[in-house]
Amino acid sequence: MGEGAAFARFNAGGEPLFLKFIPAGWRDRRAWKRLTREAAYLRDLAPLSPVPHAPFRHAAQSAHTPHAHLLTRDLTEETTGWGAFEDDAARGAALLEIARLLARHHAFWAGPGQAALRGPWAWQLERVLERAARMHAGLAAGGLSGPDGRPAPLPEPVVRAAREAAGQLPALLAAAPLTTLVHGDIHAGQVLWRGPEPVLIDYGQVHASVPGEDLAHLLAVRLDAADRARLGPELRGAYRDELARCGLRLTDTELAAQERAGLALNLLSVVRQAARTPERGTAEAALKVTAAWVEPAG
C-alpha cells in the first residue's frame, strides 16, 4: 500500500508489469482522481514527450464506485532510486539532474507540446484566480474550514502568508505568463535512474500551470531553509541553463517571477491541505512553505 493507492508487481508474457489500483471499499475520490489523471497522461500525452517515463499498458476506471487501475511496465529491475546515492556529493549532483529533467519536461510542454494541451490539460487561469479569491475571502473572514466544519487550527503566520499570497496571485501570474504542464509533486522519490538517465514517474498531480510551480515545489516544499540557501542558486542555474538548451530562454527576472508565482501556488495548495487534513505532516509543510514565502528572494 502507498499513499492514495495500492500496488502489485507481476510478470506477464515475459514483461514485468506494475499495477497501481484503488482497492474496493476505499471510496477515496481524491485518490481516484489522481490515478485516473495519471493514466490519462501516460496514455495520451507522455508518448509525445522526450522525458523518459514508465510505458503505459492498460487502464480502466469507474466513476460510480469509484475504482480504477493503471498498468505500466515495471521499471524496478532496470532502475535504481534515490537510496542508491550514498553521499552528499552524489545526492547534490542527482538533484541538479532532477532540475534539468524538470526543465526538459517544462520546455517541451511550453513549446512543441503546447498544442496538445487542450480540454482538461489546458491552463485555466480564471479558475485558478477564482479559487484563490474564495480562499482569500475565507481567510479574511476568519479562516478555512477543517474536516469537521469548524475553522481549521492554522498558525497565524501561515494564515497571514496565505492571505497575502492569495491577494497577490493575480499580479504574480500576470508577471509570469509562460505556462506548461507541471508535474505537481516533484521530489527525489519521483525520479528513477536508469544508469545516469533520470526517469520521471508518478504523474497523479500533473496539470497545466506556470513552470515556477514545480521549481518552487522542489526548492520550498522539499528543501529546508538551510539546504535551499546552499543548493538553490546552483539548482536554479542548472534549471535555467537546461531550459535555454531546449530553446526556452528566461532572463533572471523572468525566472524569479516564475518562482514567486509558483511559490504562491504551492503555499495556497499546502495550506488548503493542512486545513483539510490537520495532521502533523501537513502542518509542518505549511510552516516550511510559509518560511520560504517570507524569506528574501534567492
C-alpha atoms as a PDB file:
ATOM      1  CA  MET A   1       0.000   0.000   0.000  1.00  0.00           C
ATOM      2  CA  GLY A   2       1.110   3.538  -0.696  1.00  0.00           C
ATOM      3  CA  GLU A   3      -0.380   6.984  -0.188  1.00  0.00           C
ATOM      4  CA  GLY A   4      -3.632   7.015  -2.126  1.00  0.00           C
ATOM      5  CA  ALA A   5      -3.198   3.698  -3.967  1.00  0.00           C
ATOM      6  CA  ALA A   6      -2.199   0.061  -3.653  1.00  0.00           C
ATOM      7  CA  PHE A   7       0.455  -1.650  -5.773  1.00  0.00           C
ATOM      8  CA  ALA A   8       1.331  -5.037  -7.193  1.00  0.00           C
ATOM      9  CA  ARG A   9       4.156  -6.315  -9.392  1.00  0.00           C
ATOM     10  CA  PHE A  10       3.981  -9.349 -11.645  1.00  0.00           C
ATOM     11  CA  ASN A  11       5.255 -10.789 -14.909  1.00  0.00           C
ATOM     12  CA  ALA A  12       3.011 -11.279 -17.937  1.00  0.00           C
ATOM     13  CA  GLY A  13       4.322 -12.867 -21.103  1.00  0.00           C
ATOM     14  CA  GLY A  14       7.880 -12.073 -20.143  1.00  0.00           C
ATOM     15  CA  GLU A  15       7.261  -8.394 -19.428  1.00  0.00           C
ATOM     16  CA  PRO A  16       7.467  -7.067 -15.866  1.00  0.00           C
ATOM     17  CA  LEU A  17       4.324  -5.082 -15.036  1.00  0.00           C
ATOM     18  CA  PHE A  18       3.425  -2.630 -12.294  1.00  0.00           C
ATOM     19  CA  LEU A  19      -0.211  -2.356 -11.189  1.00  0.00           C
ATOM     20  CA  LYS A  20      -1.447   0.697  -9.308  1.00  0.00           C
ATOM     21  CA  PHE A  21      -5.061   0.499  -8.155  1.00  0.00           C
ATOM     22  CA  ILE A  22      -7.732   1.840  -5.826  1.00  0.00           C
ATOM     23  CA  PRO A  23      -8.921  -1.150  -3.750  1.00  0.00           C
ATOM     24  CA  ALA A  24     -12.613  -1.906  -3.416  1.00  0.00           C
ATOM     25  CA  GLY A  25     -14.055  -0.182  -0.398  1.00  0.00           C
ATOM     26  CA  TRP A  26     -11.617   2.719  -0.233  1.00  0.00           C
ATOM     27  CA  ARG A  27     -14.118   5.235  -1.628  1.00  0.00           C
ATOM     28  CA  ASP A  28     -11.327   7.793  -1.874  1.00  0.00           C
ATOM     29  CA  ARG A  29     -12.416  10.274  -4.535  1.00  0.00           C
ATOM     30  CA  ARG A  30      -9.168  12.267  -4.413  1.00  0.00           C
ATOM     31  CA  ALA A  31      -7.071   9.134  -4.892  1.00  0.00           C
ATOM     32  CA  TRP A  32      -9.340   8.128  -7.779  1.00  0.00           C
ATOM     33  CA  LYS A  33      -8.830  11.498  -9.461  1.00  0.00           C
ATOM     34  CA  ARG A  34      -5.054  11.233  -9.098  1.00  0.00           C
ATOM     35  CA  LEU A  35      -4.922   7.745 -10.550  1.00  0.00           C
ATOM     36  CA  THR A  36      -7.230   8.488 -13.475  1.00  0.00           C
ATOM     37  CA  ARG A  37      -5.261  11.650 -14.245  1.00  0.00           C
ATOM     38  CA  GLU A  38      -2.005   9.707 -14.242  1.00  0.00           C
ATOM     39  CA  ALA A  39      -3.498   7.072 -16.542  1.00  0.00           C
ATOM     40  CA  ALA A  40      -4.738   9.732 -18.962  1.00  0.00           C
ATOM     41  CA  TYR A  41      -1.348  11.447 -19.024  1.00  0.00           C
ATOM     42  CA  LEU A  42       0.613   8.237 -19.590  1.00  0.00           C
ATOM     43  CA  ARG A  43      -1.808   7.059 -22.272  1.00  0.00           C
ATOM     44  CA  ASP A  44      -2.404  10.291 -24.187  1.00  0.00           C
ATOM     45  CA  LEU A  45       0.446  12.723 -23.562  1.00  0.00           C
ATOM     46  CA  ALA A  46       3.580  11.010 -22.257  1.00  0.00           C
ATOM     47  CA  PRO A  47       4.325   9.265 -25.602  1.00  0.00           C
ATOM     48  CA  LEU A  48       4.665  12.738 -27.166  1.00  0.00           C
ATOM     49  CA  SER A  49       7.317  13.868 -24.692  1.00  0.00           C
ATOM     50  CA  PRO A  50      11.062  13.185 -24.798  1.00  0.00           C
ATOM     51  CA  VAL A  51      11.102  12.816 -20.999  1.00  0.00           C
ATOM     52  CA  PRO A  52      11.517   9.112 -20.060  1.00  0.00           C
ATOM     53  CA  HIS A  53       8.572   7.533 -18.228  1.00  0.00           C
ATOM     54  CA  ALA A  54       7.112   4.125 -17.400  1.00  0.00           C
ATOM     55  CA  PRO A  55       5.309   2.980 -20.586  1.00  0.00           C
ATOM     56  CA  PHE A  56       1.524   2.699 -20.378  1.00  0.00           C
ATOM     57  CA  ARG A  57      -0.017  -0.745 -20.885  1.00  0.00           C
ATOM     58  CA  HIS A  58      -3.660  -0.587 -19.730  1.00  0.00           C
ATOM     59  CA  ALA A  59      -6.090   1.351 -17.536  1.00  0.00           C
ATOM     60  CA  ALA A  60      -9.732   1.163 -16.505  1.00  0.00           C
ATOM     61  CA  GLN A  61     -11.941   3.149 -14.183  1.00  0.00           C
ATOM     62  CA  SER A  62     -15.436   3.511 -12.781  1.00  0.00           C
ATOM     63  CA  ALA A  63     -16.588   6.918 -11.623  1.00  0.00           C
ATOM     64  CA  HIS A  64     -19.569   5.396  -9.822  1.00  0.00           C
ATOM     65  CA  THR A  65     -17.697   3.071  -7.485  1.00  0.00           C
ATOM     66  CA  PRO A  66     -15.029   4.799  -7.564  1.00  0.00           C
ATOM     67  CA  HIS A  67     -12.492   2.180  -8.667  1.00  0.00           C
ATOM     68  CA  ALA A  68      -9.558   2.498 -11.025  1.00  0.00           C
ATOM     69  CA  HIS A  69      -6.394   0.700 -12.006  1.00  0.00           C
ATOM     70  CA  LEU A  70      -3.341   1.524 -14.088  1.00  0.00           C
ATOM     71  CA  LEU A  71      -0.901  -0.951 -15.586  1.00  0.00           C
ATOM     72  CA  THR A  72       2.564   0.134 -16.728  1.00  0.00           C
ATOM     73  CA  ARG A  73       5.861  -1.536 -17.414  1.00  0.00           C
ATOM     74  CA  ASP A  74       7.625  -2.214 -14.118  1.00  0.00           C
ATOM     75  CA  LEU A  75      10.971  -0.424 -14.083  1.00  0.00           C
ATOM     76  CA  THR A  76      12.129  -1.855 -10.745  1.00  0.00           C
ATOM     77  CA  GLU A  77      14.778  -4.221 -12.100  1.00  0.00           C
ATOM     78  CA  GLU A  78      16.162  -1.786 -14.683  1.00  0.00           C
ATOM     79  CA  THR A  79      16.406   1.294 -12.467  1.00  0.00           C
ATOM     80  CA  THR A  80      17.587   2.453  -9.058  1.00  0.00           C
ATOM     81  CA  GLY A  81      16.095   5.009  -6.685  1.00  0.00           C
ATOM     82  CA  TRP A  82      17.300   7.867  -4.519  1.00  0.00           C
ATOM     83  CA  GLY A  83      18.716   5.463  -1.961  1.00  0.00           C
ATOM     84  CA  ALA A  84      21.442   4.432  -4.396  1.00  0.00           C
ATOM     85  CA  PHE A  85      23.200   7.784  -3.868  1.00  0.00           C
ATOM     86  CA  GLU A  86      25.477   7.201  -0.914  1.00  0.00           C
ATOM     87  CA  ASP A  87      26.892  10.623  -0.053  1.00  0.00           C
ATOM     88  CA  ASP A  88      26.061  14.321  -0.187  1.00  0.00           C
ATOM     89  CA  ALA A  89      28.125  14.907  -3.311  1.00  0.00           C
ATOM     90  CA  ALA A  90      26.264  12.211  -5.248  1.00  0.00           C
ATOM     91  CA  ARG A  91      22.901  13.413  -3.968  1.00  0.00           C
ATOM     92  CA  GLY A  92      23.743  17.006  -4.854  1.00  0.00           C
ATOM     93  CA  ALA A  93      24.702  16.005  -8.391  1.00  0.00           C
ATOM     94  CA  ALA A  94      21.484  13.990  -8.692  1.00  0.00           C
ATOM     95  CA  LEU A  95      19.406  16.981  -7.588  1.00  0.00           C
ATOM     96  CA  LEU A  96      20.957  19.007 -10.394  1.00  0.00           C
ATOM     97  CA  GLU A  97      19.933  16.290 -12.848  1.00  0.00           C
ATOM     98  CA  ILE A  98      16.400  16.413 -11.450  1.00  0.00           C
ATOM     99  CA  ALA A  99      16.335  20.177 -12.051  1.00  0.00           C
ATOM    100  CA  ARG A 100      17.488  19.577 -15.634  1.00  0.00           C
ATOM    101  CA  LEU A 101      14.901  16.831 -16.115  1.00  0.00           C
ATOM    102  CA  LEU A 102      12.228  19.212 -14.892  1.00  0.00           C
ATOM    103  CA  ALA A 103      13.449  21.838 -17.351  1.00  0.00           C
ATOM    104  CA  ARG A 104      13.198  19.398 -20.253  1.00  0.00           C
ATOM    105  CA  HIS A 105       9.671  18.471 -19.211  1.00  0.00           C
ATOM    106  CA  HIS A 106       8.655  22.126 -18.972  1.00  0.00           C
ATOM    107  CA  ALA A 107      10.368  23.200 -22.189  1.00  0.00           C
ATOM    108  CA  PHE A 108       8.602  20.524 -24.206  1.00  0.00           C
ATOM    109  CA  TRP A 109       5.104  21.280 -22.903  1.00  0.00           C
ATOM    110  CA  ALA A 110       5.640  25.040 -23.149  1.00  0.00           C
ATOM    111  CA  GLY A 111       6.854  24.643 -26.735  1.00  0.00           C
ATOM    112  CA  PRO A 112       6.332  21.711 -29.107  1.00  0.00           C
ATOM    113  CA  GLY A 113       3.790  20.010 -26.844  1.00  0.00           C
ATOM    114  CA  GLN A 114       1.676  23.080 -26.084  1.00  0.00           C
ATOM    115  CA  ALA A 115      -0.806  22.386 -28.903  1.00  0.00           C
ATOM    116  CA  ALA A 116      -1.738  19.058 -27.275  1.00  0.00           C
ATOM    117  CA  LEU A 117      -2.779  20.746 -24.021  1.00  0.00           C
ATOM    118  CA  ARG A 118      -6.492  21.025 -24.693  1.00  0.00           C
ATOM    119  CA  GLY A 119      -9.603  20.325 -22.637  1.00  0.00           C
ATOM    120  CA  PRO A 120      -8.679  19.214 -19.106  1.00  0.00           C
ATOM    121  CA  TRP A 121      -4.986  19.761 -19.874  1.00  0.00           C
ATOM    122  CA  ALA A 122      -5.389  23.446 -20.767  1.00  0.00           C
ATOM    123  CA  TRP A 123      -4.270  26.237 -18.456  1.00  0.00           C
ATOM    124  CA  GLN A 124      -7.360  27.502 -16.599  1.00  0.00           C
ATOM    125  CA  LEU A 125      -6.287  30.911 -15.332  1.00  0.00           C
ATOM    126  CA  GLU A 126      -9.788  32.107 -14.455  1.00  0.00           C
ATOM    127  CA  ARG A 127     -10.453  29.015 -12.362  1.00  0.00           C
ATOM    128  CA  VAL A 128      -7.142  29.390 -10.518  1.00  0.00           C
ATOM    129  CA  LEU A 129      -7.850  33.046  -9.734  1.00  0.00           C
ATOM    130  CA  GLU A 130     -11.434  32.354  -8.658  1.00  0.00           C
ATOM    131  CA  ARG A 131     -10.247  29.660  -6.270  1.00  0.00           C
ATOM    132  CA  ALA A 132      -7.612  31.988  -4.818  1.00  0.00           C
ATOM    133  CA  ALA A 133     -10.197  34.750  -4.400  1.00  0.00           C
ATOM    134  CA  ARG A 134     -12.504  32.399  -2.497  1.00  0.00           C
ATOM    135  CA  MET A 135      -9.606  31.332  -0.288  1.00  0.00           C
ATOM    136  CA  HIS A 136      -8.650  34.969   0.355  1.00  0.00           C
ATOM    137  CA  ALA A 137     -12.229  35.751   1.351  1.00  0.00           C
ATOM    138  CA  GLY A 138     -12.368  32.735   3.651  1.00  0.00           C
ATOM    139  CA  LEU A 139      -9.096  33.625   5.348  1.00  0.00           C
ATOM    140  CA  ALA A 140     -10.174  37.248   5.762  1.00  0.00           C
ATOM    141  CA  ALA A 141     -13.496  36.137   7.247  1.00  0.00           C
ATOM    142  CA  GLY A 142     -11.964  34.006   9.962  1.00  0.00           C
ATOM    143  CA  GLY A 143     -10.146  31.070   8.408  1.00  0.00           C
ATOM    144  CA  LEU A 144     -10.595  27.926   6.355  1.00  0.00           C
ATOM    145  CA  SER A 145     -12.953  25.170   7.412  1.00  0.00           C
ATOM    146  CA  GLY A 146     -11.470  21.934   8.701  1.00  0.00           C
ATOM    147  CA  PRO A 147     -12.878  18.436   8.175  1.00  0.00           C
ATOM    148  CA  ASP A 148     -15.385  18.951  10.998  1.00  0.00           C
ATOM    149  CA  GLY A 149     -16.724  22.189   9.502  1.00  0.00           C
ATOM    150  CA  ARG A 150     -15.132  24.369  12.160  1.00  0.00           C
ATOM    151  CA  PRO A 151     -12.232  26.756  11.425  1.00  0.00           C
ATOM    152  CA  ALA A 152      -9.013  24.801  10.938  1.00  0.00           C
ATOM    153  CA  PRO A 153      -6.365  25.455  13.632  1.00  0.00           C
ATOM    154  CA  LEU A 154      -3.785  27.014  11.319  1.00  0.00           C
ATOM    155  CA  PRO A 155      -0.894  29.005  12.832  1.00  0.00           C
ATOM    156  CA  GLU A 156      -1.296  32.768  12.437  1.00  0.00           C
ATOM    157  CA  PRO A 157       1.905  33.176  10.326  1.00  0.00           C
ATOM    158  CA  VAL A 158       0.540  30.570   7.900  1.00  0.00           C
ATOM    159  CA  VAL A 159      -2.841  32.306   7.667  1.00  0.00           C
ATOM    160  CA  ARG A 160      -1.186  35.689   7.150  1.00  0.00           C
ATOM    161  CA  ALA A 161       1.136  34.382   4.426  1.00  0.00           C
ATOM    162  CA  ALA A 162      -1.665  32.520   2.638  1.00  0.00           C
ATOM    163  CA  ARG A 163      -3.900  35.593   2.694  1.00  0.00           C
ATOM    164  CA  GLU A 164      -1.049  37.643   1.247  1.00  0.00           C
ATOM    165  CA  ALA A 165      -0.278  35.056  -1.448  1.00  0.00           C
ATOM    166  CA  ALA A 166      -3.936  34.766  -2.454  1.00  0.00           C
ATOM    167  CA  GLY A 167      -4.254  38.537  -2.716  1.00  0.00           C
ATOM    168  CA  GLN A 168      -1.074  38.877  -4.775  1.00  0.00           C
ATOM    169  CA  LEU A 169      -1.714  35.926  -7.080  1.00  0.00           C
ATOM    170  CA  PRO A 170      -3.351  37.869  -9.961  1.00  0.00           C
ATOM    171  CA  ALA A 171      -0.348  40.192 -10.218  1.00  0.00           C
ATOM    172  CA  LEU A 172       2.153  37.370  -9.752  1.00  0.00           C
ATOM    173  CA  LEU A 173       0.619  35.291 -12.555  1.00  0.00           C
ATOM    174  CA  ALA A 174       0.407  38.343 -14.815  1.00  0.00           C
ATOM    175  CA  ALA A 175       4.173  38.745 -14.335  1.00  0.00           C
ATOM    176  CA  ALA A 176       4.748  35.057 -15.201  1.00  0.00           C
ATOM    177  CA  PRO A 177       2.741  34.499 -18.413  1.00  0.00           C
ATOM    178  CA  LEU A 178       4.593  31.388 -19.591  1.00  0.00           C
ATOM    179  CA  THR A 179       2.663  28.164 -18.937  1.00  0.00           C
ATOM    180  CA  THR A 180       3.445  24.492 -19.372  1.00  0.00           C
ATOM    181  CA  LEU A 181       2.463  21.113 -17.947  1.00  0.00           C
ATOM    182  CA  VAL A 182       3.851  20.742 -14.435  1.00  0.00           C
ATOM    183  CA  HIS A 183       4.468  17.509 -12.562  1.00  0.00           C
ATOM    184  CA  GLY A 184       2.777  18.866  -9.452  1.00  0.00           C
ATOM    185  CA  ASP A 185       4.656  16.840  -6.824  1.00  0.00           C
ATOM    186  CA  ILE A 186       8.305  16.839  -7.842  1.00  0.00           C
ATOM    187  CA  HIS A 187      10.846  15.458  -5.382  1.00  0.00           C
ATOM    188  CA  ALA A 188      13.705  12.976  -5.333  1.00  0.00           C
ATOM    189  CA  GLY A 189      11.392   9.992  -4.871  1.00  0.00           C
ATOM    190  CA  GLN A 190       9.582  10.778  -8.127  1.00  0.00           C
ATOM    191  CA  VAL A 191      12.668  10.029 -10.202  1.00  0.00           C
ATOM    192  CA  LEU A 192      14.168   6.639 -11.019  1.00  0.00           C
ATOM    193  CA  TRP A 193      17.617   6.205 -12.526  1.00  0.00           C
ATOM    194  CA  ARG A 194      18.428   4.031 -15.497  1.00  0.00           C
ATOM    195  CA  GLY A 195      22.174   4.348 -15.141  1.00  0.00           C
ATOM    196  CA  PRO A 196      22.793   8.104 -15.450  1.00  0.00           C
ATOM    197  CA  GLU A 197      19.422   8.711 -17.153  1.00  0.00           C
ATOM    198  CA  PRO A 198      16.620  10.038 -14.910  1.00  0.00           C
ATOM    199  CA  VAL A 199      13.087   8.704 -15.445  1.00  0.00           C
ATOM    200  CA  LEU A 200      10.156  10.804 -14.208  1.00  0.00           C
ATOM    201  CA  ILE A 201       7.308   8.861 -12.551  1.00  0.00           C
ATOM    202  CA  ASP A 202       4.088   9.381 -10.547  1.00  0.00           C
ATOM    203  CA  TYR A 203       2.003  11.776 -12.621  1.00  0.00           C
ATOM    204  CA  GLY A 204      -1.074  11.827 -10.406  1.00  0.00           C
ATOM    205  CA  GLN A 205      -0.900  15.581  -9.877  1.00  0.00           C
ATOM    206  CA  VAL A 206       0.200  16.656 -13.355  1.00  0.00           C
ATOM    207  CA  HIS A 207      -1.642  19.760 -14.592  1.00  0.00           C
ATOM    208  CA  ALA A 208      -1.188  22.934 -16.592  1.00  0.00           C
ATOM    209  CA  SER A 209       0.413  25.800 -14.691  1.00  0.00           C
ATOM    210  CA  VAL A 210       3.409  28.100 -14.635  1.00  0.00           C
ATOM    211  CA  PRO A 211       6.752  26.234 -14.667  1.00  0.00           C
ATOM    212  CA  GLY A 212       7.653  28.038 -11.465  1.00  0.00           C
ATOM    213  CA  GLU A 213       5.145  25.890  -9.590  1.00  0.00           C
ATOM    214  CA  ASP A 214       7.388  22.834  -9.947  1.00  0.00           C
ATOM    215  CA  LEU A 215      10.584  24.807  -9.367  1.00  0.00           C
ATOM    216  CA  ALA A 216       9.195  26.350  -6.189  1.00  0.00           C
ATOM    217  CA  HIS A 217       7.895  22.958  -5.041  1.00  0.00           C
ATOM    218  CA  LEU A 218      11.369  21.475  -5.369  1.00  0.00           C
ATOM    219  CA  LEU A 219      13.012  24.400  -3.573  1.00  0.00           C
ATOM    220  CA  ALA A 220      10.441  25.408  -0.950  1.00  0.00           C
ATOM    221  CA  VAL A 221       8.375  22.311  -0.187  1.00  0.00           C
ATOM    222  CA  ARG A 222      11.128  19.706  -0.450  1.00  0.00           C
ATOM    223  CA  LEU A 223      14.164  21.632   0.868  1.00  0.00           C
ATOM    224  CA  ASP A 224      14.517  23.295   4.240  1.00  0.00           C
ATOM    225  CA  ALA A 225      15.861  26.838   4.527  1.00  0.00           C
ATOM    226  CA  ALA A 226      19.492  25.781   5.022  1.00  0.00           C
ATOM    227  CA  ASP A 227      19.516  23.417   2.039  1.00  0.00           C
ATOM    228  CA  ARG A 228      17.656  25.960  -0.083  1.00  0.00           C
ATOM    229  CA  ALA A 229      20.288  28.603   0.685  1.00  0.00           C
ATOM    230  CA  ARG A 230      23.098  26.153  -0.048  1.00  0.00           C
ATOM    231  CA  LEU A 231      21.687  24.397  -3.119  1.00  0.00           C
ATOM    232  CA  GLY A 232      19.168  26.877  -4.502  1.00  0.00           C
ATOM    233  CA  PRO A 233      21.439  29.049  -6.667  1.00  0.00           C
ATOM    234  CA  GLU A 234      23.010  26.062  -8.415  1.00  0.00           C
ATOM    235  CA  LEU A 235      19.648  24.327  -8.884  1.00  0.00           C
ATOM    236  CA  ARG A 236      18.137  27.472 -10.384  1.00  0.00           C
ATOM    237  CA  GLY A 237      21.146  27.871 -12.667  1.00  0.00           C
ATOM    238  CA  ALA A 238      21.009  24.273 -13.871  1.00  0.00           C
ATOM    239  CA  TYR A 239      17.274  24.585 -14.500  1.00  0.00           C
ATOM    240  CA  ARG A 240      17.604  27.879 -16.407  1.00  0.00           C
ATOM    241  CA  ASP A 241      20.532  26.634 -18.500  1.00  0.00           C
ATOM    242  CA  GLU A 242      18.702  23.431 -19.452  1.00  0.00           C
ATOM    243  CA  LEU A 243      15.621  25.425 -20.433  1.00  0.00           C
ATOM    244  CA  ALA A 244      17.825  27.509 -22.725  1.00  0.00           C
ATOM    245  CA  ARG A 245      19.454  24.412 -24.187  1.00  0.00           C
ATOM    246  CA  CYS A 246      15.944  23.198 -25.033  1.00  0.00           C
ATOM    247  CA  GLY A 247      15.122  26.501 -26.726  1.00  0.00           C
ATOM    248  CA  LEU A 248      13.271  28.232 -23.887  1.00  0.00           C
ATOM    249  CA  ARG A 249      15.232  31.235 -22.644  1.00  0.00           C
ATOM    250  CA  LEU A 250      14.237  33.040 -19.465  1.00  0.00           C
ATOM    251  CA  THR A 251      16.026  36.031 -18.004  1.00  0.00           C
ATOM    252  CA  ASP A 252      16.895  36.034 -14.317  1.00  0.00           C
ATOM    253  CA  THR A 253      13.972  38.420 -13.763  1.00  0.00           C
ATOM    254  CA  GLU A 254      11.558  36.143 -15.633  1.00  0.00           C
ATOM    255  CA  LEU A 255      12.765  33.090 -13.722  1.00  0.00           C
ATOM    256  CA  ALA A 256      12.380  34.903 -10.397  1.00  0.00           C
ATOM    257  CA  ALA A 257       8.831  35.913 -11.369  1.00  0.00           C
ATOM    258  CA  GLN A 258       8.056  32.304 -12.254  1.00  0.00           C
ATOM    259  CA  GLU A 259       9.381  31.033  -8.944  1.00  0.00           C
ATOM    260  CA  ARG A 260       7.479  33.640  -6.918  1.00  0.00           C
ATOM    261  CA  ALA A 261       4.198  32.882  -8.685  1.00  0.00           C
ATOM    262  CA  GLY A 262       4.869  29.169  -8.252  1.00  0.00           C
ATOM    263  CA  LEU A 263       5.648  29.655  -4.578  1.00  0.00           C
ATOM    264  CA  ALA A 264       2.303  31.394  -4.087  1.00  0.00           C
ATOM    265  CA  LEU A 265       0.509  28.486  -5.765  1.00  0.00           C
ATOM    266  CA  ASN A 266       2.368  25.972  -3.590  1.00  0.00           C
ATOM    267  CA  LEU A 267       1.622  27.926  -0.431  1.00  0.00           C
ATOM    268  CA  LEU A 268      -2.096  28.064  -1.186  1.00  0.00           C
ATOM    269  CA  SER A 269      -2.175  24.368  -2.055  1.00  0.00           C
ATOM    270  CA  VAL A 270      -0.317  23.287   1.082  1.00  0.00           C
ATOM    271  CA  VAL A 271      -2.462  25.481   3.329  1.00  0.00           C
ATOM    272  CA  ARG A 272      -5.652  24.034   1.815  1.00  0.00           C
ATOM    273  CA  GLN A 273      -4.295  20.564   2.504  1.00  0.00           C
ATOM    274  CA  ALA A 274      -3.299  21.480   6.058  1.00  0.00           C
ATOM    275  CA  ALA A 275      -6.836  22.740   6.710  1.00  0.00           C
ATOM    276  CA  ARG A 276      -8.407  19.658   5.142  1.00  0.00           C
ATOM    277  CA  THR A 277      -6.149  17.106   6.864  1.00  0.00           C
ATOM    278  CA  PRO A 278      -4.816  18.698  10.064  1.00  0.00           C
ATOM    279  CA  GLU A 279      -2.062  16.177  10.641  1.00  0.00           C
ATOM    280  CA  ARG A 280       1.485  16.880  11.695  1.00  0.00           C
ATOM    281  CA  GLY A 281       2.993  16.407   8.249  1.00  0.00           C
ATOM    282  CA  THR A 282       0.698  18.874   6.507  1.00  0.00           C
ATOM    283  CA  ALA A 283       1.077  21.480   9.240  1.00  0.00           C
ATOM    284  CA  GLU A 284       4.868  21.208   9.051  1.00  0.00           C
ATOM    285  CA  ALA A 285       4.744  21.564   5.269  1.00  0.00           C
ATOM    286  CA  ALA A 286       2.606  24.694   5.618  1.00  0.00           C
ATOM    287  CA  LEU A 287       5.102  26.214   8.048  1.00  0.00           C
ATOM    288  CA  LYS A 288       8.010  25.304   5.759  1.00  0.00           C
ATOM    289  CA  VAL A 289       6.466  26.968   2.703  1.00  0.00           C
ATOM    290  CA  THR A 290       5.432  29.963   4.796  1.00  0.00           C
ATOM    291  CA  ALA A 291       9.072  30.394   5.819  1.00  0.00           C
ATOM    292  CA  ALA A 292      10.111  30.306   2.158  1.00  0.00           C
ATOM    293  CA  TRP A 293       7.434  32.873   1.278  1.00  0.00           C
ATOM    294  CA  VAL A 294       8.684  35.438   3.804  1.00  0.00           C
ATOM    295  CA  GLU A 295      12.419  34.951   3.272  1.00  0.00           C
ATOM    296  CA  PRO A 296      14.371  37.256   0.926  1.00  0.00           C
ATOM    297  CA  ALA A 297      14.402  36.257  -2.744  1.00  0.00           C
ATOM    298  CA  GLY A 298      17.038  33.641  -3.607  1.00  0.00           C
END
